[in-house]
């Protein structure tokens, strides 16, 4: 069975070389952004945990209000 990625590469291989290079550059840039995002999230787990604890404390302390989507 052919994967979606294999199908995409097969279609991309039919493009002229210049278009293949543009597509490859975009794909590599997207993968780099994903790596950067993953590293940022992994490096901020302790910060996110602290923020979650703070939010829960505010909720438990009655310092929050119910979100009304109609008022957004």
PDB file of N, CA and C in Angstrom:
ATOM      1  N   UNK A   1       0.847  -1.186   0.000  1.00  0.00           N
ATOM      2  CA  UNK A   1       0.000   0.000   0.000  1.00  0.00           C
ATOM      3  C   UNK A   1       0.892   1.249   0.000  1.00  0.00           C
ATOM      4  N   UNK A   2       0.536   2.178  -0.813  1.00  0.00           N
ATOM      5  CA  UNK A   2       1.298   3.417  -0.938  1.00  0.00           C
ATOM      6  C   UNK A   2       0.828   4.425   0.118  1.00  0.00           C
ATOM      7  N   UNK A   3       1.794   5.027   0.820  1.00  0.00           N
ATOM      8  CA  UNK A   3       1.419   6.044   1.807  1.00  0.00           C
ATOM      9  C   UNK A   3       1.153   7.365   1.096  1.00  0.00           C
ATOM     10  N   UNK A   4       0.507   8.238   1.810  1.00  0.00           N
ATOM     11  CA  UNK A   4       0.200   9.555   1.252  1.00  0.00           C
ATOM     12  C   UNK A   4       1.488  10.305   0.908  1.00  0.00           C
ATOM     13  N   UNK A   5       2.496  10.188   1.771  1.00  0.00           N
ATOM     14  CA  UNK A   5       3.771  10.860   1.515  1.00  0.00           C
ATOM     15  C   UNK A   5       4.440  10.299   0.262  1.00  0.00           C
ATOM     16  N   UNK A   6       4.396   8.981   0.105  1.00  0.00           N
ATOM     17  CA  UNK A   6       4.965   8.359  -1.098  1.00  0.00           C
ATOM     18  C   UNK A   6       4.233   8.851  -2.347  1.00  0.00           C
ATOM     19  N   UNK A   7       2.927   8.978  -2.253  1.00  0.00           N
ATOM     20  CA  UNK A   7       2.140   9.474  -3.389  1.00  0.00           C
ATOM     21  C   UNK A   7       2.507  10.920  -3.717  1.00  0.00           C
ATOM     22  N   UNK A   8       2.677  11.730  -2.656  1.00  0.00           N
ATOM     23  CA  UNK A   8       3.055  13.127  -2.864  1.00  0.00           C
ATOM     24  C   UNK A   8       4.420  13.226  -3.533  1.00  0.00           C
ATOM     25  N   UNK A   9       5.372  12.411  -3.070  1.00  0.00           N
ATOM     26  CA  UNK A   9       6.705  12.434  -3.685  1.00  0.00           C
ATOM     27  C   UNK A   9       6.657  11.953  -5.129  1.00  0.00           C
ATOM     28  N   UNK A  10       5.822  10.965  -5.407  1.00  0.00           N
ATOM     29  CA  UNK A  10       5.695  10.475  -6.780  1.00  0.00           C
ATOM     30  C   UNK A  10       5.153  11.574  -7.689  1.00  0.00           C
ATOM     31  N   UNK A  11       4.163  12.304  -7.204  1.00  0.00           N
ATOM     32  CA  UNK A  11       3.606  13.413  -7.995  1.00  0.00           C
ATOM     33  C   UNK A  11       4.639  14.533  -8.145  1.00  0.00           C
ATOM     34  N   UNK A  12       5.341  14.830  -7.060  1.00  0.00           N
ATOM     35  CA  UNK A  12       6.344  15.902  -7.106  1.00  0.00           C
ATOM     36  C   UNK A  12       7.471  15.559  -8.072  1.00  0.00           C
ATOM     37  N   UNK A  13       7.788  14.280  -8.198  1.00  0.00           N
ATOM     38  CA  UNK A  13       8.884  13.881  -9.095  1.00  0.00           C
ATOM     39  C   UNK A  13       8.542  14.129 -10.558  1.00  0.00           C
ATOM     40  N   UNK A  14       7.265  14.357 -10.870  1.00  0.00           N
ATOM     41  CA  UNK A  14       6.838  14.647 -12.243  1.00  0.00           C
ATOM     42  C   UNK A  14       7.004  16.128 -12.588  1.00  0.00           C
ATOM     43  N   UNK A  15       7.232  16.952 -11.570  1.00  0.00           N
ATOM     44  CA  UNK A  15       7.377  18.392 -11.801  1.00  0.00           C
ATOM     45  C   UNK A  15       8.733  18.717 -12.404  1.00  0.00           C
ATOM     46  N   UNK A  16       8.843  19.864 -13.086  1.00  0.00           N
ATOM     47  CA  UNK A  16      10.156  20.302 -13.561  1.00  0.00           C
ATOM     48  C   UNK A  16      11.112  20.490 -12.370  1.00  0.00           C
ATOM     49  N   UNK A  17      12.403  20.361 -12.626  1.00  0.00           N
ATOM     50  CA  UNK A  17      13.404  20.423 -11.568  1.00  0.00           C
ATOM     51  C   UNK A  17      13.277  21.692 -10.731  1.00  0.00           C
ATOM     52  N   UNK A  18      13.064  22.822 -11.375  1.00  0.00           N
ATOM     53  CA  UNK A  18      12.968  24.079 -10.628  1.00  0.00           C
ATOM     54  C   UNK A  18      11.795  24.045  -9.648  1.00  0.00           C
ATOM     55  N   UNK A  19      10.672  23.506 -10.068  1.00  0.00           N
ATOM     56  CA  UNK A  19       9.510  23.405  -9.177  1.00  0.00           C
ATOM     57  C   UNK A  19       9.745  22.384  -8.068  1.00  0.00           C
ATOM     58  N   UNK A  20      10.457  21.305  -8.388  1.00  0.00           N
ATOM     59  CA  UNK A  20      10.807  20.331  -7.359  1.00  0.00           C
ATOM     60  C   UNK A  20      11.682  20.987  -6.287  1.00  0.00           C
ATOM     61  N   UNK A  21      12.625  21.829  -6.729  1.00  0.00           N
ATOM     62  CA  UNK A  21      13.512  22.507  -5.787  1.00  0.00           C
ATOM     63  C   UNK A  21      12.729  23.463  -4.884  1.00  0.00           C
ATOM     64  N   UNK A  22      11.764  24.170  -5.458  1.00  0.00           N
ATOM     65  CA  UNK A  22      10.937  25.078  -4.660  1.00  0.00           C
ATOM     66  C   UNK A  22      10.138  24.275  -3.627  1.00  0.00           C
ATOM     67  N   UNK A  23       9.534  23.201  -4.071  1.00  0.00           N
ATOM     68  CA  UNK A  23       8.743  22.361  -3.172  1.00  0.00           C
ATOM     69  C   UNK A  23       9.630  21.766  -2.071  1.00  0.00           C
ATOM     70  N   UNK A  24      10.807  21.297  -2.440  1.00  0.00           N
ATOM     71  CA  UNK A  24      11.729  20.722  -1.455  1.00  0.00           C
ATOM     72  C   UNK A  24      12.162  21.772  -0.437  1.00  0.00           C
ATOM     73  N   UNK A  25      12.434  22.977  -0.902  1.00  0.00           N
ATOM     74  CA  UNK A  25      12.831  24.055   0.004  1.00  0.00           C
ATOM     75  C   UNK A  25      11.711  24.367   0.985  1.00  0.00           C
ATOM     76  N   UNK A  26      10.487  24.422   0.483  1.00  0.00           N
ATOM     77  CA  UNK A  26       9.336  24.698   1.359  1.00  0.00           C
ATOM     78  C   UNK A  26       9.127  23.581   2.373  1.00  0.00           C
ATOM     79  N   UNK A  27       9.261  22.338   1.930  1.00  0.00           N
ATOM     80  CA  UNK A  27       9.085  21.201   2.824  1.00  0.00           C
ATOM     81  C   UNK A  27      10.156  21.192   3.913  1.00  0.00           C
ATOM     82  N   UNK A  28      11.407  21.424   3.523  1.00  0.00           N
ATOM     83  CA  UNK A  28      12.486  21.452   4.507  1.00  0.00           C
ATOM     84  C   UNK A  28      12.301  22.593   5.504  1.00  0.00           C
ATOM     85  N   UNK A  29      11.845  23.732   5.026  1.00  0.00           N
ATOM     86  CA  UNK A  29      11.594  24.862   5.927  1.00  0.00           C
ATOM     87  C   UNK A  29      10.469  24.529   6.903  1.00  0.00           C
ATOM     88  N   UNK A  30       9.426  23.889   6.417  1.00  0.00           N
ATOM     89  CA  UNK A  30       8.309  23.499   7.278  1.00  0.00           C
ATOM     90  C   UNK A  30       8.769  22.502   8.345  1.00  0.00           C
ATOM     91  N   UNK A  31       9.590  21.546   7.958  1.00  0.00           N
ATOM     92  CA  UNK A  31      10.103  20.574   8.920  1.00  0.00           C
ATOM     93  C   UNK A  31      10.984  21.251   9.966  1.00  0.00           C
ATOM     94  N   UNK A  32      11.765  22.231   9.556  1.00  0.00           N
ATOM     95  CA  UNK A  32      12.613  22.961  10.501  1.00  0.00           C
ATOM     96  C   UNK A  32      11.762  23.735  11.501  1.00  0.00           C
ATOM     97  N   UNK A  33      10.685  24.352  11.027  1.00  0.00           N
ATOM     98  CA  UNK A  33       9.782  25.085  11.913  1.00  0.00           C
ATOM     99  C   UNK A  33       9.147  24.125  12.918  1.00  0.00           C
ATOM    100  N   UNK A  34       8.745  22.950  12.460  1.00  0.00           N
ATOM    101  CA  UNK A  34       8.165  21.952  13.355  1.00  0.00           C
ATOM    102  C   UNK A  34       9.168  21.533  14.423  1.00  0.00           C
ATOM    103  N   UNK A  35      10.427  21.336  14.020  1.00  0.00           N
ATOM    104  CA  UNK A  35      11.465  20.979  14.987  1.00  0.00           C
ATOM    105  C   UNK A  35      11.653  22.087  16.010  1.00  0.00           C
ATOM    106  N   UNK A  36      11.679  23.320  15.547  1.00  0.00           N
ATOM    107  CA  UNK A  36      11.828  24.462  16.458  1.00  0.00           C
ATOM    108  C   UNK A  36      10.669  24.516  17.446  1.00  0.00           C
ATOM    109  N   UNK A  37       9.460  24.294  16.944  1.00  0.00           N
ATOM    110  CA  UNK A  37       8.272  24.320  17.804  1.00  0.00           C
ATOM    111  C   UNK A  37       8.339  23.214  18.848  1.00  0.00           C
ATOM    112  N   UNK A  38       8.704  22.005  18.405  1.00  0.00           N
ATOM    113  CA  UNK A  38       8.797  20.881  19.335  1.00  0.00           C
ATOM    114  C   UNK A  38       9.829  21.147  20.427  1.00  0.00           C
ATOM    115  N   UNK A  39      10.970  21.721  20.040  1.00  0.00           N
ATOM    116  CA  UNK A  39      12.004  22.042  21.037  1.00  0.00           C
ATOM    117  C   UNK A  39      11.511  23.123  21.997  1.00  0.00           C
ATOM    118  N   UNK A  40      10.800  24.110  21.490  1.00  0.00           N
ATOM    119  CA  UNK A  40      10.288  25.182  22.349  1.00  0.00           C
ATOM    120  C   UNK A  40       9.288  24.637  23.361  1.00  0.00           C
ATOM    121  N   UNK A  41       8.410  23.765  22.909  1.00  0.00           N
ATOM    122  CA  UNK A  41       7.423  23.173  23.813  1.00  0.00           C
ATOM    123  C   UNK A  41       8.121  22.291  24.844  1.00  0.00           C
ATOM    124  N   UNK A  42       9.043  21.471  24.396  1.00  0.00           N
ATOM    125  CA  UNK A  42       9.755  20.577  25.318  1.00  0.00           C
ATOM    126  C   UNK A  42      10.528  21.377  26.356  1.00  0.00           C
ATOM    127  N   UNK A  43      11.093  22.504  25.942  1.00  0.00           N
ATOM    128  CA  UNK A  43      11.878  23.317  26.853  1.00  0.00           C
ATOM    129  C   UNK A  43      11.043  24.175  27.776  1.00  0.00           C
ATOM    130  N   UNK A  44       9.755  24.232  27.535  1.00  0.00           N
ATOM    131  CA  UNK A  44       8.917  25.105  28.353  1.00  0.00           C
ATOM    132  C   UNK A  44       7.908  24.333  29.200  1.00  0.00           C
ATOM    133  N   UNK A  45       8.098  23.036  29.316  1.00  0.00           N
ATOM    134  CA  UNK A  45       7.137  22.218  30.069  1.00  0.00           C
ATOM    135  C   UNK A  45       7.004  22.702  31.502  1.00  0.00           C
ATOM    136  N   UNK A  46       8.116  23.064  32.122  1.00  0.00           N
ATOM    137  CA  UNK A  46       8.039  23.529  33.515  1.00  0.00           C
ATOM    138  C   UNK A  46       7.295  24.864  33.606  1.00  0.00           C
ATOM    139  N   UNK A  47       7.470  25.725  32.611  1.00  0.00           N
ATOM    140  CA  UNK A  47       6.748  27.004  32.599  1.00  0.00           C
ATOM    141  C   UNK A  47       5.251  26.766  32.416  1.00  0.00           C
ATOM    142  N   UNK A  48       4.909  25.863  31.492  1.00  0.00           N
ATOM    143  CA  UNK A  48       3.499  25.545  31.258  1.00  0.00           C
ATOM    144  C   UNK A  48       2.862  24.937  32.502  1.00  0.00           C
ATOM    145  N   UNK A  49       3.606  24.102  33.197  1.00  0.00           N
ATOM    146  CA  UNK A  49       3.100  23.496  34.424  1.00  0.00           C
ATOM    147  C   UNK A  49       2.830  24.562  35.483  1.00  0.00           C
ATOM    148  N   UNK A  50       3.737  25.511  35.625  1.00  0.00           N
ATOM    149  CA  UNK A  50       3.542  26.601  36.587  1.00  0.00           C
ATOM    150  C   UNK A  50       2.328  27.445  36.228  1.00  0.00           C
ATOM    151  N   UNK A  51       2.166  27.735  34.947  1.00  0.00           N
ATOM    152  CA  UNK A  51       1.009  28.516  34.509  1.00  0.00           C
ATOM    153  C   UNK A  51      -0.294  27.761  34.772  1.00  0.00           C
ATOM    154  N   UNK A  52      -0.273  26.460  34.537  1.00  0.00           N
ATOM    155  CA  UNK A  52      -1.472  25.657  34.798  1.00  0.00           C
ATOM    156  C   UNK A  52      -1.807  25.668  36.283  1.00  0.00           C
ATOM    157  N   UNK A  53      -0.796  25.525  37.124  1.00  0.00           N
ATOM    158  CA  UNK A  53      -1.023  25.567  38.568  1.00  0.00           C
ATOM    159  C   UNK A  53      -1.590  26.921  38.994  1.00  0.00           C
ATOM    160  N   UNK A  54      -1.057  27.980  38.414  1.00  0.00           N
ATOM    161  CA  UNK A  54      -1.537  29.327  38.732  1.00  0.00           C
ATOM    162  C   UNK A  54      -2.995  29.499  38.286  1.00  0.00           C
ATOM    163  N   UNK A  55      -3.311  29.014  37.105  1.00  0.00           N
ATOM    164  CA  UNK A  55      -4.686  29.121  36.603  1.00  0.00           C
ATOM    165  C   UNK A  55      -5.654  28.343  37.489  1.00  0.00           C
ATOM    166  N   UNK A  56      -5.247  27.152  37.906  1.00  0.00           N
ATOM    167  CA  UNK A  56      -6.114  26.370  38.789  1.00  0.00           C
ATOM    168  C   UNK A  56      -6.304  27.059  40.138  1.00  0.00           C
ATOM    169  N   UNK A  57      -5.248  27.644  40.656  1.00  0.00           N
ATOM    170  CA  UNK A  57      -5.357  28.354  41.931  1.00  0.00           C
ATOM    171  C   UNK A  57      -6.312  29.537  41.800  1.00  0.00           C
ATOM    172  N   UNK A  58      -6.232  30.261  40.688  1.00  0.00           N
ATOM    173  CA  UNK A  58      -7.145  31.380  40.465  1.00  0.00           C
ATOM    174  C   UNK A  58      -8.583  30.893  40.334  1.00  0.00           C
ATOM    175  N   UNK A  59      -8.770  29.771  39.645  1.00  0.00           N
ATOM    176  CA  UNK A  59     -10.113  29.206  39.496  1.00  0.00           C
ATOM    177  C   UNK A  59     -10.668  28.796  40.858  1.00  0.00           C
ATOM    178  N   UNK A  60      -9.849  28.077  41.603  1.00  0.00           N
ATOM    179  CA  UNK A  60     -10.296  27.615  42.928  1.00  0.00           C
ATOM    180  C   UNK A  60     -10.554  28.788  43.879  1.00  0.00           C
ATOM    181  N   UNK A  61      -9.822  29.873  43.679  1.00  0.00           N
ATOM    182  CA  UNK A  61      -9.987  31.051  44.524  1.00  0.00           C
ATOM    183  C   UNK A  61     -11.108  31.964  44.068  1.00  0.00           C
ATOM    184  N   UNK A  62     -11.850  31.540  43.060  1.00  0.00           N
ATOM    185  CA  UNK A  62     -12.981  32.338  42.592  1.00  0.00           C
ATOM    186  C   UNK A  62     -12.569  33.592  41.835  1.00  0.00           C
ATOM    187  N   UNK A  63     -11.368  33.591  41.295  1.00  0.00           N
ATOM    188  CA  UNK A  63     -10.863  34.778  40.599  1.00  0.00           C
ATOM    189  C   UNK A  63     -11.054  34.697  39.087  1.00  0.00           C
ATOM    190  N   UNK A  64     -11.846  33.745  38.628  1.00  0.00           N
ATOM    191  CA  UNK A  64     -12.093  33.610  37.186  1.00  0.00           C
ATOM    192  C   UNK A  64     -13.572  33.799  36.926  1.00  0.00           C
ATOM    193  N   UNK A  65     -13.921  33.969  35.675  1.00  0.00           N
ATOM    194  CA  UNK A  65     -15.329  34.059  35.326  1.00  0.00           C
ATOM    195  C   UNK A  65     -15.610  33.157  34.136  1.00  0.00           C
ATOM    196  N   UNK A  66     -16.824  32.712  34.041  1.00  0.00           N
ATOM    197  CA  UNK A  66     -17.233  31.817  32.965  1.00  0.00           C
ATOM    198  C   UNK A  66     -17.107  32.548  31.630  1.00  0.00           C
ATOM    199  N   UNK A  67     -16.579  31.835  30.645  1.00  0.00           N
ATOM    200  CA  UNK A  67     -16.423  32.393  29.307  1.00  0.00           C
ATOM    201  C   UNK A  67     -17.769  32.403  28.594  1.00  0.00           C
ATOM    202  N   UNK A  68     -18.137  33.552  28.067  1.00  0.00           N
ATOM    203  CA  UNK A  68     -19.368  33.693  27.304  1.00  0.00           C
ATOM    204  C   UNK A  68     -18.977  33.903  25.843  1.00  0.00           C
ATOM    205  N   UNK A  69     -19.092  32.861  24.993  1.00  0.00           N
ATOM    206  CA  UNK A  69     -18.661  32.978  23.597  1.00  0.00           C
ATOM    207  C   UNK A  69     -19.378  34.091  22.828  1.00  0.00           C
ATOM    208  N   UNK A  70     -20.565  34.471  23.289  1.00  0.00           N
ATOM    209  CA  UNK A  70     -21.310  35.517  22.603  1.00  0.00           C
ATOM    210  C   UNK A  70     -20.691  36.898  22.848  1.00  0.00           C
ATOM    211  N   UNK A  71     -19.819  36.998  23.839  1.00  0.00           N
ATOM    212  CA  UNK A  71     -19.212  38.298  24.167  1.00  0.00           C
ATOM    213  C   UNK A  71     -17.790  38.422  23.626  1.00  0.00           C
ATOM    214  N   UNK A  72     -17.370  37.478  22.804  1.00  0.00           N
ATOM    215  CA  UNK A  72     -16.009  37.521  22.261  1.00  0.00           C
ATOM    216  C   UNK A  72     -15.871  38.518  21.158  1.00  0.00           C
TER     217      UNK A  72
END
